[in-house]
Protein backbone atom coordinates (compact mmCIF):
# COMPACT_ATOMS: atom_id res chain seq x y z
CA MET A 1 14.16 1.21 22.76
CA GLU A 2 12.73 4.79 23.47
CA LEU A 3 12.71 5.00 19.56
CA ILE A 4 10.56 1.63 19.46
CA LEU A 5 8.18 2.98 21.97
CA ILE A 6 7.67 6.11 20.27
CA LEU A 7 7.21 4.32 17.01
CA THR A 8 4.65 1.82 18.79
CA MET A 9 2.44 5.02 19.91
CA LEU A 10 2.82 6.49 16.56
CA ALA A 11 1.78 3.76 14.91
CA VAL A 12 -1.59 3.02 17.26
CA PHE A 13 -2.23 6.52 16.65
CA VAL A 14 -2.10 6.41 12.84
CA ILE A 15 -4.22 3.59 12.43
CA LEU A 16 -7.13 5.47 14.69
CA VAL A 17 -6.89 8.55 12.86
CA CYS A 18 -6.68 6.29 9.18
CA ASN A 19 -10.16 4.32 10.33
CA GLU A 20 -11.73 7.99 11.93
CA LEU A 21 -11.44 9.03 8.71
CA TRP A 22 -12.86 6.29 7.03
CA TRP A 23 -15.61 5.88 9.55
CA ARG A 24 -16.63 9.39 9.05
CA SER A 25 -16.40 8.72 4.69
CA ARG A 26 -19.49 6.78 5.79
CA VAL A 27 -18.61 4.16 3.06
CA VAL A 28 -18.38 1.40 5.36
CA HIS A 29 -20.84 0.08 8.18
CA SER A 30 -19.88 1.71 11.82
CA GLU A 31 -19.16 -1.55 13.13
CA PHE A 32 -16.87 -3.42 10.76
CA SER A 33 -15.21 0.20 11.38
CA ARG A 34 -14.90 0.05 14.95
CA LYS A 35 -14.01 -4.19 14.40
CA PHE A 36 -11.05 -2.93 12.08
CA VAL A 37 -9.90 -1.01 15.04
CA HIS A 38 -10.26 -3.86 17.32
CA ILE A 39 -8.51 -6.45 15.05
CA THR A 40 -5.65 -4.04 14.47
CA VAL A 41 -4.64 -2.65 16.87
CA GLY A 42 -5.15 -5.76 19.09
CA SER A 43 -3.22 -7.40 16.42
CA PHE A 44 -0.23 -5.36 17.13
CA VAL A 45 -0.60 -5.43 20.62
CA ALA A 46 -0.57 -9.23 20.79
CA ALA A 47 3.08 -8.76 19.03
CA TRP A 48 4.27 -6.12 21.74
CA PRO A 49 6.62 -8.38 23.68
CA PHE A 50 8.00 -9.52 21.23
CA PHE A 51 9.69 -6.13 21.01
CA LEU A 52 8.82 -4.08 23.85
CA SER A 53 9.55 -4.75 27.58
CA TRP A 54 6.89 -6.03 29.81
CA HIS A 55 7.10 -2.36 31.96
CA GLN A 56 6.94 -0.69 28.67
CA ILE A 57 3.57 -2.33 27.97
CA GLU A 58 2.48 -1.83 31.32
CA GLY A 59 2.73 1.77 30.96
CA LEU A 60 1.45 1.86 27.40
CA SER A 61 -1.78 0.06 29.30
CA VAL A 62 -2.12 3.09 31.42
CA ALA A 63 -1.59 5.61 28.36
CA PHE A 64 -4.27 3.86 26.40
CA LEU A 65 -6.79 3.74 29.36
CA VAL A 66 -6.51 7.68 29.63
CA VAL A 67 -6.64 8.24 25.54
CA VAL A 68 -9.33 6.34 25.90
CA THR A 69 -11.05 7.54 28.71
CA ALA A 70 -10.48 11.39 26.64
CA SER A 71 -11.52 10.29 23.53
CA LYS A 72 -14.77 8.88 25.07
CA TYR A 73 -16.06 12.02 26.42
CA LEU A 74 -14.57 14.28 24.34
CA ARG A 75 -15.95 12.40 21.45
CA VAL A 76 -12.19 12.40 19.53
CA PHE A 77 -12.36 8.97 18.02
CA GLN A 78 -16.28 8.59 17.52
CA ALA A 79 -15.48 5.47 15.40
CA ILE A 80 -14.82 3.58 17.97
CA HIS A 81 -17.13 4.51 20.42
CA SER A 82 -19.89 4.63 17.25
CA VAL A 83 -21.84 0.99 19.25
CA GLN A 84 -25.28 1.68 19.88
CA ARG A 85 -25.72 0.04 22.98
CA PRO A 86 -23.94 1.00 25.88
CA THR A 87 -20.62 -0.56 26.20
CA TRP A 88 -17.15 0.15 27.88
CA GLY A 89 -15.18 -2.18 25.72
CA GLU A 90 -12.69 0.24 24.46
CA LEU A 91 -11.85 1.12 28.11
CA PHE A 92 -11.24 -2.86 29.30
CA PHE A 93 -9.56 -3.56 26.08
CA ALA A 94 -7.08 -1.07 27.70
CA VAL A 95 -6.89 -2.46 30.98
CA SER A 96 -6.76 -6.17 29.45
CA VAL A 97 -3.07 -5.08 27.93
CA GLY A 98 -1.81 -4.21 31.17
CA LEU A 99 -3.43 -6.87 32.97
CA VAL A 100 -2.57 -9.88 31.05
CA ALA A 101 1.14 -8.38 31.33
CA LEU A 102 1.08 -8.99 34.95
CA VAL A 103 -0.17 -12.66 34.56
CA THR A 104 2.38 -13.69 32.31
CA HIS A 105 5.87 -12.88 30.95
CA ASP A 106 5.37 -15.33 28.47
CA LYS A 107 5.11 -14.10 24.60
CA TRP A 108 3.37 -16.84 23.27
CA ILE A 109 0.94 -16.55 25.97
CA TYR A 110 0.38 -12.98 26.17
CA ALA A 111 0.00 -13.09 22.02
CA ALA A 112 -2.71 -16.28 22.51
CA ALA A 113 -4.80 -14.44 25.33
CA LEU A 114 -4.73 -10.71 23.56
CA LEU A 115 -5.60 -12.54 19.74
CA GLN A 116 -8.74 -14.02 21.25
CA MET A 117 -10.00 -10.59 21.94
CA ALA A 118 -8.53 -9.01 18.48
CA LEU A 119 -9.27 -11.96 16.00
CA ALA A 120 -11.95 -14.35 17.72
CA ASP A 121 -14.27 -11.54 18.87
CA GLY A 122 -13.54 -9.35 16.00
CA LEU A 123 -14.06 -11.46 13.34
CA ALA A 124 -17.18 -12.84 15.33
CA ALA A 125 -18.61 -9.47 15.02
CA ILE A 126 -18.09 -9.27 11.65
CA ILE A 127 -19.10 -12.22 10.36
CA GLY A 128 -22.43 -12.16 12.57
CA VAL A 129 -23.25 -8.98 10.91
CA HIS A 130 -22.73 -10.07 7.72
CA TYR A 131 -24.41 -13.66 7.74
CA GLY A 132 -26.22 -14.28 11.11
CA ASN A 133 -29.45 -12.33 10.63
CA ARG A 134 -31.67 -15.56 10.13
CA LEU A 135 -30.53 -17.38 13.58
CA LYS A 136 -30.26 -15.24 16.84
CA TYR A 137 -30.42 -15.76 20.45
CA LEU A 138 -30.78 -13.48 23.04
CA ILE A 139 -28.07 -13.44 26.17
CA PHE A 140 -29.00 -10.29 28.95
CA GLY A 141 -31.63 -8.87 26.41
CA HIS A 142 -28.58 -8.53 23.61
CA ALA A 143 -29.14 -10.23 20.69
CA LYS A 144 -26.37 -12.85 19.70
CA SER A 145 -26.16 -14.99 16.29
CA VAL A 146 -25.40 -18.61 16.01
CA ALA A 147 -22.74 -17.54 12.99
CA GLY A 148 -20.64 -15.21 14.86
CA THR A 149 -20.61 -17.70 18.22
CA LEU A 150 -19.14 -20.22 15.73
CA SER A 151 -17.24 -18.07 14.48
CA PHE A 152 -15.34 -17.20 17.76
CA PHE A 153 -15.30 -20.94 18.73
CA LEU A 154 -13.58 -21.93 15.58
CA VAL A 155 -11.02 -18.67 15.38
CA SER A 156 -10.35 -19.53 19.38
CA ALA A 157 -9.48 -22.72 18.27
CA ALA A 158 -7.38 -22.06 15.52
CA ILE A 159 -5.33 -19.39 17.68
CA LEU A 160 -4.66 -22.37 20.34
CA VAL A 161 -3.40 -24.48 17.75
CA ALA A 162 -1.38 -22.01 16.38
CA PHE A 163 -0.04 -21.05 19.92
CA GLN A 164 0.94 -24.79 20.31
CA HIS A 165 2.53 -25.06 17.01
CA TRP A 166 4.81 -22.15 17.57
CA SER A 167 5.55 -22.10 21.46
CA GLY A 168 5.64 -25.87 21.21
CA THR A 169 3.62 -26.18 23.98
CA ALA A 170 1.54 -29.44 24.10
CA LEU A 171 -1.63 -28.63 24.65
CA GLY A 172 -3.88 -31.49 23.46
CA LEU A 173 -6.95 -31.45 21.35
CA GLY A 174 -9.07 -31.77 25.07
CA TYR A 175 -7.69 -28.89 26.17
CA ILE A 176 -8.07 -26.80 23.18
CA VAL A 177 -12.01 -27.48 22.78
CA LEU A 178 -12.00 -26.85 26.33
CA VAL A 179 -10.26 -23.22 26.52
CA SER A 180 -12.46 -22.22 23.27
CA LEU A 181 -15.28 -23.13 24.94
CA LEU A 182 -15.10 -21.83 27.81
CA ALA A 183 -13.95 -18.26 26.32
CA THR A 184 -16.69 -18.80 23.81
CA VAL A 185 -19.64 -18.97 26.46
CA LEU A 186 -17.81 -16.03 28.70
CA GLU A 187 -17.89 -14.00 25.37
CA ASN A 188 -21.45 -14.87 25.23
CA LEU A 189 -22.44 -13.59 29.14
CA ALA A 190 -20.21 -10.39 29.57
CA ILE A 191 -21.79 -7.69 28.95
CA MET A 192 -20.87 -3.98 28.51
CA GLY A 193 -17.74 -4.93 26.91
CA LEU A 194 -16.56 -6.98 29.38
CA ASP A 195 -15.51 -9.71 27.46
CA ASN A 196 -12.87 -7.40 26.06
CA LEU A 197 -11.49 -7.87 29.69
CA LEU A 198 -12.35 -11.36 30.92
CA VAL A 199 -11.55 -13.40 27.72
CA PRO A 200 -8.01 -12.72 27.48
CA MET A 201 -7.47 -13.01 31.30
CA LEU A 202 -9.15 -16.27 31.03
CA VAL A 203 -6.73 -17.59 28.59
CA ALA A 204 -4.12 -16.35 29.49
CA LEU A 205 -4.62 -17.88 33.30
CA MET A 206 -5.60 -20.93 31.61
CA LEU A 207 -2.63 -21.56 29.40
CA VAL A 208 -0.52 -20.54 32.58
CA ASN A 209 -1.88 -23.51 34.59
CA ARG A 210 -2.16 -25.37 31.99
């Protein structure tokens, strides 16, 4: 089990280093580089309950928080901090990894909650950057795109449909739409990167208490 834990930490480190080198090469948009880590690491974390214990996940969350905090102030992994607006999203990401594990010990619920942050938020940002320039709106002074928001809702719903299929848990179309809609609204309203914490927690709590 210790070997698996070491390999898990090594995998995350390799992703961060490769992304940093990619970002420094200047061949990719900084937002895409950031969201690449968001999607890859987030999706990897979502699978942790299938080969790590809950205590190990909670411990890795603390380790994540320490490393990301140090990186932010020492500017080690500049690619993940390259966003222009003020944000603490990377730190909230680390916190959510552990908090969701405290809310549920259901592997499928944990995966669905973390994938909301990894895939729905990550893909929405990428699509918003590339296709959302024409239709935009402001939330608390921050520009949001209709394309990005719609993408978040659709990916969120797709994740819940997959959760229903693989976990054998009947949610129903109405509940899937409700959870996806609430997650989308929360993602729009959350500022300073708080969506990285609030969205996974909302989905986890709604699936636990369905």
